[in-house]
Protein backbone atom coordinates (compact mmCIF):
# COMPACT_ATOMS: atom_id res chain seq x y z
CA MET A 1 8.30 237.80 72.74
CA ALA A 2 7.51 234.33 71.38
CA ASP A 3 5.62 235.90 68.47
CA GLN A 4 8.70 237.89 67.45
CA ASP A 5 10.91 234.77 67.55
CA GLN A 6 8.53 232.87 65.28
CA GLN A 7 8.35 235.74 62.81
CA THR A 8 12.11 236.10 62.57
CA SER A 9 12.64 232.36 62.13
CA LEU A 10 10.09 232.33 59.28
CA GLU A 11 11.75 235.28 57.61
CA THR A 12 15.23 233.74 57.73
CA ALA A 13 14.17 230.33 56.39
CA PRO A 14 15.75 229.46 53.01
CA PRO A 15 13.50 229.60 49.96
CA PRO A 16 12.01 226.28 48.83
CA ALA A 17 13.84 224.32 46.15
CA PRO A 18 12.38 224.55 42.63
CA PHE A 19 9.95 221.79 41.73
CA ILE A 20 11.56 219.18 39.46
CA ARG A 21 9.14 216.95 37.56
CA GLY A 22 10.00 213.27 37.40
CA SER A 23 10.48 211.39 34.18
CA ARG A 24 7.35 210.04 32.54
CA LYS A 25 6.86 206.62 31.01
CA THR A 26 6.80 206.32 27.24
CA ARG A 27 5.51 203.46 25.13
CA THR A 28 5.67 202.65 21.43
CA GLY A 29 2.80 200.86 19.76
CA GLU A 30 0.40 200.53 16.87
CA VAL A 31 -2.83 202.52 16.53
CA ILE A 32 -5.73 200.05 16.39
CA SER A 33 -8.53 202.63 16.47
CA SER A 34 -8.76 206.31 15.65
CA SER A 35 -12.51 206.66 15.17
CA MET A 36 -13.04 208.74 18.32
CA ASN A 37 -12.54 212.51 18.31
CA LYS A 38 -9.09 213.45 19.74
CA THR A 39 -8.60 209.91 21.09
CA ILE A 40 -6.65 206.95 19.76
CA VAL A 41 -6.32 203.40 21.02
CA VAL A 42 -2.73 202.12 20.97
CA ARG A 43 -1.75 198.47 21.32
CA THR A 44 1.70 197.80 22.74
CA VAL A 45 3.46 194.46 22.58
CA THR A 46 5.93 193.53 25.32
CA ARG A 47 8.01 190.35 25.19
CA VAL A 48 8.64 188.85 28.64
CA PRO A 49 9.70 185.41 29.86
CA HIS A 50 6.97 183.21 31.35
CA ARG A 51 7.24 183.11 35.15
CA LYS A 52 7.30 179.33 35.43
CA PHE A 53 8.49 177.98 32.09
CA GLY A 54 10.83 180.75 30.91
CA LYS A 55 9.49 180.79 27.34
CA ILE A 56 9.27 184.27 25.80
CA VAL A 57 5.62 185.28 25.48
CA LYS A 58 3.98 188.44 24.10
CA GLN A 59 1.91 190.64 26.36
CA MET A 60 -0.47 192.93 24.48
CA ARG A 61 -2.02 195.91 26.21
CA LYS A 62 -4.31 198.70 25.02
CA PHE A 63 -3.83 202.34 25.99
CA TYR A 64 -6.23 205.20 25.31
CA ALA A 65 -4.23 208.28 24.32
CA HIS A 66 -5.07 211.93 23.64
CA ASP A 67 -4.44 213.06 20.04
CA GLU A 68 -5.13 216.79 19.90
CA GLN A 69 -4.83 217.26 16.11
CA ASN A 70 -6.30 213.86 15.11
CA GLN A 71 -3.06 213.17 13.20
CA ALA A 72 -2.64 209.44 13.95
CA LYS A 73 -4.56 206.96 11.81
CA THR A 74 -5.22 203.24 12.17
CA GLY A 75 -2.07 201.24 11.43
CA ASP A 76 0.41 203.99 12.34
CA THR A 77 3.26 203.33 14.75
CA VAL A 78 3.25 206.02 17.47
CA ARG A 79 5.00 207.02 20.66
CA ILE A 80 2.82 207.93 23.66
CA MET A 81 3.71 209.45 27.02
CA GLU A 82 2.13 209.21 30.46
CA THR A 83 0.14 212.25 31.60
CA ARG A 84 -2.48 213.32 34.10
CA PRO A 85 -5.94 211.72 33.86
CA LEU A 86 -7.80 213.33 30.97
CA SER A 87 -10.95 211.20 31.16
CA LYS A 88 -12.14 207.91 32.62
CA LEU A 89 -9.73 205.86 30.50
CA LYS A 90 -7.23 208.36 29.01
CA ARG A 91 -3.97 208.67 30.93
CA TRP A 92 -1.60 208.96 27.95
CA ARG A 93 -0.96 211.51 25.20
CA LEU A 94 0.48 211.26 21.71
CA VAL A 95 4.09 212.41 21.42
CA ASP A 96 4.77 211.73 17.74
CA VAL A 97 3.91 209.51 14.80
CA ILE A 98 6.92 207.33 14.05
CA GLN A 99 5.73 205.55 10.90
CA LYS A 100 2.67 206.10 8.76
């Protein structure tokens, strides 16, 4: 009897909601290296106030990004987007080349 109750409750359960992917971070930066195959190194510059003194300072950070067609060259301004880990260092992928 208990087995029948469990089966009917499983059958009448509503279907699961469709999976909605969250928004992914995007960054804009300059390509500083494109010598690797299908990989570029992008430097982003963020301007933030100093914690103690309040002066605006630049924070530079390097991101390794996947470039499938090897279309970005050194000096280009590009937009990259967060993605799943592709290698030890690559967690970003190239979205588009903004300026050549």
